[in-house]
C-alpha atoms as a PDB file:
ATOM      1  CA  ILE A   1       0.000   0.000   0.000  1.00  0.00           C
ATOM      2  CA  THR A   2       1.604   3.272  -1.115  1.00  0.00           C
ATOM      3  CA  GLN A   3       1.115   6.822   0.202  1.00  0.00           C
ATOM      4  CA  GLY A   4      -0.637   7.825  -2.983  1.00  0.00           C
ATOM      5  CA  THR A   5      -1.914  11.416  -2.693  1.00  0.00           C
ATOM      6  CA  LEU A   6      -2.204  11.347   1.101  1.00  0.00           C
ATOM      7  CA  ALA A   7      -0.932  14.685   2.584  1.00  0.00           C
ATOM      8  CA  ALA A   8      -1.267  16.744   5.803  1.00  0.00           C
ATOM      9  CA  GLY A   9      -0.349  20.209   4.488  1.00  0.00           C
ATOM     10  CA  THR A  10       2.752  22.347   4.796  1.00  0.00           C
ATOM     11  CA  ASN A  11       2.648  22.466   8.600  1.00  0.00           C
ATOM     12  CA  TYR A  12       3.600  18.767   8.862  1.00  0.00           C
ATOM     13  CA  ASP A  13       6.585  16.685   8.113  1.00  0.00           C
ATOM     14  CA  LEU A  14       4.668  13.546   7.105  1.00  0.00           C
ATOM     15  CA  THR A  15       6.406  10.188   7.250  1.00  0.00           C
ATOM     16  CA  TYR A  16       4.504   7.303   5.681  1.00  0.00           C
ATOM     17  CA  ALA A  17       4.842   3.661   6.761  1.00  0.00           C
ATOM     18  CA  GLY A  18       3.297   1.242   4.282  1.00  0.00           C
ATOM     19  CA  ASN A  19       1.661  -2.164   4.616  1.00  0.00           C
ATOM     20  CA  ASN A  20       0.284  -4.836   2.338  1.00  0.00           C
ATOM     21  CA  PHE A  21      -3.127  -5.190   0.692  1.00  0.00           C
ATOM     22  CA  ALA A  22      -4.257  -8.711  -0.336  1.00  0.00           C
ATOM     23  CA  ILE A  23      -6.432  -9.704  -3.290  1.00  0.00           C
ATOM     24  CA  THR A  24      -7.880 -13.128  -2.408  1.00  0.00           C
ATOM     25  CA  LYS A  25      -9.160 -15.773  -4.735  1.00  0.00           C
ATOM     26  CA  ARG A  26     -12.716 -15.480  -6.021  1.00  0.00           C
ATOM     27  CA  ALA A  27     -14.826 -18.497  -5.011  1.00  0.00           C
ATOM     28  CA  ILE A  28     -16.791 -20.145  -7.809  1.00  0.00           C
ATOM     29  CA  THR A  29     -18.627 -23.458  -8.018  1.00  0.00           C
ATOM     30  CA  VAL A  30     -19.163 -25.366 -11.248  1.00  0.00           C
ATOM     31  CA  THR A  31     -21.721 -28.188 -11.361  1.00  0.00           C
ATOM     32  CA  ALA A  32     -21.924 -30.778 -14.137  1.00  0.00           C
ATOM     33  CA  ASN A  33     -25.388 -30.747 -15.690  1.00  0.00           C
ATOM     34  CA  ALA A  34     -27.679 -33.627 -14.770  1.00  0.00           C
ATOM     35  CA  GLY A  35     -29.305 -35.890 -17.353  1.00  0.00           C
ATOM     36  CA  GLN A  36     -26.404 -36.097 -19.792  1.00  0.00           C
ATOM     37  CA  THR A  37     -26.549 -39.288 -21.859  1.00  0.00           C
ATOM     38  CA  LYS A  38     -25.553 -41.033 -25.041  1.00  0.00           C
ATOM     39  CA  ILE A  39     -26.774 -44.146 -26.829  1.00  0.00           C
ATOM     40  CA  TYR A  40     -24.445 -47.146 -26.676  1.00  0.00           C
ATOM     41  CA  GLY A  41     -22.039 -47.078 -29.607  1.00  0.00           C
ATOM     42  CA  GLU A  42     -22.304 -43.332 -30.267  1.00  0.00           C
ATOM     43  CA  ALA A  43     -19.539 -40.777 -29.639  1.00  0.00           C
ATOM     44  CA  ASP A  44     -19.529 -38.932 -26.328  1.00  0.00           C
ATOM     45  CA  PRO A  45     -21.115 -35.482 -26.421  1.00  0.00           C
ATOM     46  CA  THR A  46     -19.319 -32.451 -25.036  1.00  0.00           C
ATOM     47  CA  LEU A  47     -20.046 -32.609 -21.311  1.00  0.00           C
ATOM     48  CA  THR A  48     -21.755 -29.447 -20.085  1.00  0.00           C
ATOM     49  CA  TYR A  49     -21.845 -27.584 -16.769  1.00  0.00           C
ATOM     50  CA  GLN A  50     -23.146 -24.464 -15.083  1.00  0.00           C
ATOM     51  CA  ILE A  51     -21.784 -21.954 -12.610  1.00  0.00           C
ATOM     52  CA  THR A  52     -23.940 -22.611  -9.551  1.00  0.00           C
ATOM     53  CA  THR A  53     -22.306 -20.208  -7.079  1.00  0.00           C
ATOM     54  CA  GLY A  54     -20.223 -17.116  -7.782  1.00  0.00           C
ATOM     55  CA  ASN A  55     -19.454 -15.708 -11.199  1.00  0.00           C
ATOM     56  CA  LEU A  56     -16.611 -14.979 -13.557  1.00  0.00           C
ATOM     57  CA  VAL A  57     -15.093 -11.523 -13.765  1.00  0.00           C
ATOM     58  CA  THR A  58     -15.785  -9.917 -17.147  1.00  0.00           C
ATOM     59  CA  GLY A  59     -13.197 -11.087 -19.646  1.00  0.00           C
ATOM     60  CA  ASP A  60     -12.302 -14.274 -17.793  1.00  0.00           C
ATOM     61  CA  ALA A  61     -13.202 -17.733 -19.098  1.00  0.00           C
ATOM     62  CA  PHE A  62     -12.725 -21.378 -18.280  1.00  0.00           C
ATOM     63  CA  THR A  63     -10.132 -23.519 -20.006  1.00  0.00           C
ATOM     64  CA  GLY A  64     -10.169 -27.272 -20.482  1.00  0.00           C
ATOM     65  CA  LYS A  65     -13.227 -29.496 -20.267  1.00  0.00           C
ATOM     66  CA  LEU A  66     -15.035 -32.019 -18.135  1.00  0.00           C
ATOM     67  CA  SER A  67     -14.337 -35.727 -18.471  1.00  0.00           C
ATOM     68  CA  ARG A  68     -15.963 -38.930 -17.220  1.00  0.00           C
ATOM     69  CA  ALA A  69     -15.086 -42.316 -15.806  1.00  0.00           C
ATOM     70  CA  THR A  70     -14.025 -44.794 -18.470  1.00  0.00           C
ATOM     71  CA  GLY A  71     -16.379 -47.391 -19.935  1.00  0.00           C
ATOM     72  CA  GLU A  72     -18.524 -47.921 -23.035  1.00  0.00           C
ATOM     73  CA  ALA A  73     -21.116 -50.442 -21.833  1.00  0.00           C
ATOM     74  CA  VAL A  74     -24.633 -49.437 -20.807  1.00  0.00           C
ATOM     75  CA  ASN A  75     -24.232 -48.003 -17.313  1.00  0.00           C
ATOM     76  CA  THR A  76     -23.836 -44.735 -15.394  1.00  0.00           C
ATOM     77  CA  TYR A  77     -20.449 -43.055 -15.145  1.00  0.00           C
ATOM     78  CA  ALA A  78     -19.262 -40.221 -12.909  1.00  0.00           C
ATOM     79  CA  ILE A  79     -18.609 -36.913 -14.687  1.00  0.00           C
ATOM     80  CA  THR A  80     -15.268 -35.628 -13.424  1.00  0.00           C
ATOM     81  CA  GLN A  81     -13.642 -32.201 -13.490  1.00  0.00           C
ATOM     82  CA  GLY A  82     -11.185 -33.371 -16.116  1.00  0.00           C
ATOM     83  CA  THR A  83      -9.015 -30.462 -17.272  1.00  0.00           C
ATOM     84  CA  LEU A  84     -11.586 -27.738 -16.493  1.00  0.00           C
ATOM     85  CA  SER A  85      -9.809 -24.798 -14.866  1.00  0.00           C
ATOM     86  CA  ILE A  86     -10.184 -21.065 -14.320  1.00  0.00           C
ATOM     87  CA  GLY A  87      -6.644 -20.063 -13.365  1.00  0.00           C
ATOM     88  CA  THR A  88      -4.970 -18.911 -10.180  1.00  0.00           C
ATOM     89  CA  ASN A  89      -7.336 -15.999  -9.438  1.00  0.00           C
ATOM     90  CA  TYR A  90     -10.206 -18.358  -8.542  1.00  0.00           C
ATOM     91  CA  GLU A  91     -10.939 -20.986  -5.921  1.00  0.00           C
ATOM     92  CA  LEU A  92     -12.799 -23.459  -8.097  1.00  0.00           C
ATOM     93  CA  THR A  93     -15.108 -25.993  -6.480  1.00  0.00           C
ATOM     94  CA  TYR A  94     -16.445 -28.741  -8.707  1.00  0.00           C
ATOM     95  CA  ALA A  95     -19.712 -30.624  -8.124  1.00  0.00           C
ATOM     96  CA  GLY A  96     -20.036 -33.801 -10.182  1.00  0.00           C
ATOM     97  CA  ASN A  97     -22.971 -35.611 -11.681  1.00  0.00           C
ATOM     98  CA  ASN A  98     -23.598 -38.840 -13.593  1.00  0.00           C
ATOM     99  CA  PHE A  99     -23.455 -39.561 -17.301  1.00  0.00           C
ATOM    100  CA  ALA A 100     -25.572 -42.444 -18.627  1.00  0.00           C
ATOM    101  CA  ILE A 101     -24.979 -44.729 -21.589  1.00  0.00           C
ATOM    102  CA  THR A 102     -28.402 -46.032 -22.652  1.00  0.00           C
ATOM    103  CA  LYS A 103     -29.356 -49.121 -24.637  1.00  0.00           C
ATOM    104  CA  ARG A 104     -29.175 -49.063 -28.426  1.00  0.00           C
ATOM    105  CA  ALA A 105     -32.518 -49.878 -30.087  1.00  0.00           C
ATOM    106  CA  ILE A 106     -32.441 -52.489 -32.820  1.00  0.00           C
ATOM    107  CA  THR A 107     -35.224 -54.388 -34.619  1.00  0.00           C
ATOM    108  CA  VAL A 108     -34.794 -57.854 -36.068  1.00  0.00           C
ATOM    109  CA  THR A 109     -37.404 -59.253 -38.474  1.00  0.00           C
ATOM    110  CA  ALA A 110     -37.641 -62.925 -39.432  1.00  0.00           C
ATOM    111  CA  ASN A 111     -37.381 -63.300 -43.203  1.00  0.00           C
ATOM    112  CA  ALA A 112     -40.630 -64.088 -45.014  1.00  0.00           C
ATOM    113  CA  GLY A 113     -41.043 -67.113 -47.264  1.00  0.00           C
ATOM    114  CA  GLN A 114     -39.056 -69.608 -45.209  1.00  0.00           C
ATOM    115  CA  THR A 115     -40.225 -73.184 -45.881  1.00  0.00           C
ATOM    116  CA  LYS A 116     -39.323 -76.824 -45.777  1.00  0.00           C
ATOM    117  CA  VAL A 117     -40.774 -79.942 -47.381  1.00  0.00           C
ATOM    118  CA  TYR A 118     -42.661 -82.240 -45.020  1.00  0.00           C
ATOM    119  CA  GLY A 119     -40.312 -84.789 -43.474  1.00  0.00           C
ATOM    120  CA  GLU A 120     -37.132 -82.760 -43.993  1.00  0.00           C
ATOM    121  CA  ALA A 121     -35.057 -81.185 -41.206  1.00  0.00           C
ATOM    122  CA  ASP A 122     -35.756 -77.561 -40.301  1.00  0.00           C
ATOM    123  CA  PRO A 123     -33.443 -75.028 -41.975  1.00  0.00           C
ATOM    124  CA  ILE A 124     -31.593 -72.398 -39.971  1.00  0.00           C
ATOM    125  CA  PHE A 125     -34.108 -69.589 -39.667  1.00  0.00           C
ATOM    126  CA  THR A 126     -32.865 -66.319 -41.151  1.00  0.00           C
ATOM    127  CA  TYR A 127     -33.568 -62.709 -40.274  1.00  0.00           C
ATOM    128  CA  GLN A 128     -32.580 -59.149 -41.066  1.00  0.00           C
ATOM    129  CA  ILE A 129     -31.917 -56.012 -39.035  1.00  0.00           C
ATOM    130  CA  THR A 130     -34.765 -53.748 -40.135  1.00  0.00           C
ATOM    131  CA  THR A 131     -34.118 -50.739 -37.872  1.00  0.00           C
ATOM    132  CA  GLY A 132     -30.932 -49.696 -36.125  1.00  0.00           C
ATOM    133  CA  ASN A 133     -27.588 -51.411 -36.438  1.00  0.00           C
ATOM    134  CA  LEU A 134     -24.995 -53.313 -34.459  1.00  0.00           C
ATOM    135  CA  VAL A 135     -21.907 -51.517 -33.215  1.00  0.00           C
ATOM    136  CA  THR A 136     -18.747 -52.696 -34.978  1.00  0.00           C
ATOM    137  CA  GLY A 137     -17.467 -55.825 -33.290  1.00  0.00           C
ATOM    138  CA  ASP A 138     -20.819 -56.818 -31.792  1.00  0.00           C
ATOM    139  CA  GLY A 139     -22.929 -59.739 -32.973  1.00  0.00           C
ATOM    140  CA  PHE A 140     -26.015 -61.751 -32.183  1.00  0.00           C
ATOM    141  CA  THR A 141     -26.014 -64.907 -30.112  1.00  0.00           C
ATOM    142  CA  GLY A 142     -28.537 -67.734 -30.197  1.00  0.00           C
ATOM    143  CA  ALA A 143     -30.995 -68.522 -32.969  1.00  0.00           C
ATOM    144  CA  LEU A 144     -34.600 -68.117 -34.012  1.00  0.00           C
ATOM    145  CA  SER A 145     -37.032 -70.940 -33.323  1.00  0.00           C
ATOM    146  CA  ARG A 146     -40.609 -71.786 -34.349  1.00  0.00           C
ATOM    147  CA  ALA A 147     -43.866 -73.074 -32.974  1.00  0.00           C
ATOM    148  CA  ALA A 148     -43.940 -76.861 -32.562  1.00  0.00           C
ATOM    149  CA  GLY A 149     -45.413 -79.117 -35.236  1.00  0.00           C
ATOM    150  CA  ASP A 150     -44.305 -81.219 -38.202  1.00  0.00           C
ATOM    151  CA  ALA A 151     -47.467 -81.551 -40.283  1.00  0.00           C
ATOM    152  CA  VAL A 152     -48.086 -79.491 -43.408  1.00  0.00           C
ATOM    153  CA  ASN A 153     -49.097 -76.098 -42.042  1.00  0.00           C
ATOM    154  CA  THR A 154     -47.759 -72.620 -41.234  1.00  0.00           C
ATOM    155  CA  TYR A 155     -45.919 -72.009 -37.972  1.00  0.00           C
ATOM    156  CA  VAL A 156     -44.859 -68.765 -36.301  1.00  0.00           C
ATOM    157  CA  ILE A 157     -41.111 -68.124 -36.303  1.00  0.00           C
ATOM    158  CA  THR A 158     -40.273 -67.040 -32.754  1.00  0.00           C
ATOM    159  CA  GLN A 159     -37.327 -65.139 -31.301  1.00  0.00           C
ATOM    160  CA  GLY A 160     -36.031 -68.301 -29.661  1.00  0.00           C
ATOM    161  CA  THR A 161     -32.665 -67.637 -28.027  1.00  0.00           C
ATOM    162  CA  LEU A 162     -31.659 -64.804 -30.366  1.00  0.00           C
ATOM    163  CA  ALA A 163     -30.100 -61.990 -28.338  1.00  0.00           C
ATOM    164  CA  ALA A 164     -27.796 -59.024 -28.833  1.00  0.00           C
ATOM    165  CA  GLY A 165     -26.539 -58.586 -25.272  1.00  0.00           C
ATOM    166  CA  THR A 166     -27.279 -56.123 -22.493  1.00  0.00           C
ATOM    167  CA  ASN A 167     -26.211 -53.063 -24.491  1.00  0.00           C
ATOM    168  CA  TYR A 168     -29.192 -53.405 -26.848  1.00  0.00           C
ATOM    169  CA  GLU A 169     -32.954 -53.024 -26.655  1.00  0.00           C
ATOM    170  CA  LEU A 170     -33.890 -55.800 -29.081  1.00  0.00           C
ATOM    171  CA  ASN A 171     -37.317 -55.697 -30.724  1.00  0.00           C
ATOM    172  CA  TYR A 172     -38.323 -58.827 -32.628  1.00  0.00           C
ATOM    173  CA  ILE A 173     -40.871 -59.016 -35.483  1.00  0.00           C
ATOM    174  CA  ALA A 174     -42.085 -62.528 -36.290  1.00  0.00           C
ATOM    175  CA  ASN A 175     -42.977 -64.134 -39.597  1.00  0.00           C
ATOM    176  CA  ASN A 176     -44.391 -67.485 -40.693  1.00  0.00           C
ATOM    177  CA  PHE A 177     -42.617 -70.699 -41.629  1.00  0.00           C
ATOM    178  CA  SER A 178     -44.405 -73.150 -43.929  1.00  0.00           C
ATOM    179  CA  ILE A 179     -44.160 -76.906 -44.125  1.00  0.00           C
ATOM    180  CA  THR A 180     -45.153 -77.849 -47.679  1.00  0.00           C
ATOM    181  CA  LYS A 181     -46.403 -81.134 -49.063  1.00  0.00           C
ATOM    182  CA  ARG A 182     -43.885 -83.823 -49.962  1.00  0.00           C
ATOM    183  CA  ALA A 183     -44.054 -84.943 -53.623  1.00  0.00           C
ATOM    184  CA  ILE A 184     -44.157 -88.696 -54.092  1.00  0.00           C
ATOM    185  CA  THR A 185     -45.021 -90.952 -57.048  1.00  0.00           C
ATOM    186  CA  VAL A 186     -46.494 -94.414 -56.552  1.00  0.00           C
ATOM    187  CA  THR A 187     -46.499 -96.878 -59.473  1.00  0.00           C
ATOM    188  CA  ALA A 188     -48.601-100.052 -59.479  1.00  0.00           C
ATOM    189  CA  ASP A 189     -46.459-103.138 -59.991  1.00  0.00           C
ATOM    190  CA  ALA A 190     -46.665-104.614 -63.464  1.00  0.00           C
ATOM    191  CA  GLY A 191     -47.678-108.200 -64.130  1.00  0.00           C
ATOM    192  CA  GLN A 192     -50.303-108.523 -61.400  1.00  0.00           C
ATOM    193  CA  THR A 193     -52.848-111.269 -62.227  1.00  0.00           C
ATOM    194  CA  LYS A 194     -55.438-113.660 -60.888  1.00  0.00           C
ATOM    195  CA  VAL A 195     -57.031-116.809 -62.189  1.00  0.00           C
ATOM    196  CA  TYR A 196     -60.522-116.392 -63.488  1.00  0.00           C
ATOM    197  CA  GLY A 197     -63.001-116.925 -60.721  1.00  0.00           C
ATOM    198  CA  GLU A 198     -60.538-116.249 -57.890  1.00  0.00           C
ATOM    199  CA  ALA A 199     -60.719-113.276 -55.538  1.00  0.00           C
ATOM    200  CA  ASP A 200     -58.669-110.245 -56.446  1.00  0.00           C
ATOM    201  CA  PRO A 201     -55.234-110.182 -54.775  1.00  0.00           C
ATOM    202  CA  ILE A 202     -53.994-107.197 -52.807  1.00  0.00           C
ATOM    203  CA  PHE A 203     -52.593-104.957 -55.470  1.00  0.00           C
ATOM    204  CA  THR A 204     -48.958-103.985 -54.900  1.00  0.00           C
ATOM    205  CA  HIS A 205     -47.083-100.868 -55.785  1.00  0.00           C
ATOM    206  CA  GLN A 206     -43.711 -99.155 -55.500  1.00  0.00           C
ATOM    207  CA  VAL A 207     -42.670 -95.616 -54.606  1.00  0.00           C
ATOM    208  CA  THR A 208     -40.936 -94.612 -57.812  1.00  0.00           C
ATOM    209  CA  THR A 209     -40.090 -90.954 -57.104  1.00  0.00           C
ATOM    210  CA  GLY A 210     -39.680 -89.304 -53.739  1.00  0.00           C
ATOM    211  CA  SER A 211     -39.893 -91.119 -50.412  1.00  0.00           C
ATOM    212  CA  LEU A 212     -42.066 -91.337 -47.328  1.00  0.00           C
ATOM    213  CA  GLY A 213     -41.147 -89.434 -44.226  1.00  0.00           C
ATOM    214  CA  THR A 214     -39.792 -91.420 -41.293  1.00  0.00           C
ATOM    215  CA  GLY A 215     -42.629 -93.158 -39.512  1.00  0.00           C
ATOM    216  CA  ASP A 216     -45.096 -92.786 -42.436  1.00  0.00           C
END
């Protein structure tokens, strides 16, 4: 602290003894905004915050940015101060919040027109992703199934064990699977006869194209 313009007039011999004046840090609190999220597989947004107590002096600004705990699976993660700073003139207090990674929506639809011939083994049931997409490196597990039955008919293709893991909200759209008739040709055996006046024999035949299903 200097004497400045302090005076006592010409009748005094003024001696000045100085002292110190302190400028203390300005208190400011920054709070990470609540409700910040992203969908699994997307890039992180810029994490936002507000000044919740105090204020910046005109012309001053923050440097750096908030960060968060590591992890890319569906979960909640603490938002941390990261590199956010306001310099040596401030006493910065940081109040955290949570960042959520939410499930990725995806729709799988069983392909239409899937069939088999009566008596044959079921094919592997196929499907397509009709909305959304898998994140690179992810894949489905399990397989589609169908309603029980082996007679000629239509059967609903069900989700079965098909899954995409806990990071996805999987919506399944069914379709029908058809069991179609089995083509078979039966030919009466040649050379069948009886003696006049006798009863007819049991007429015999052979399956000449196709085959019967097991148990038929």
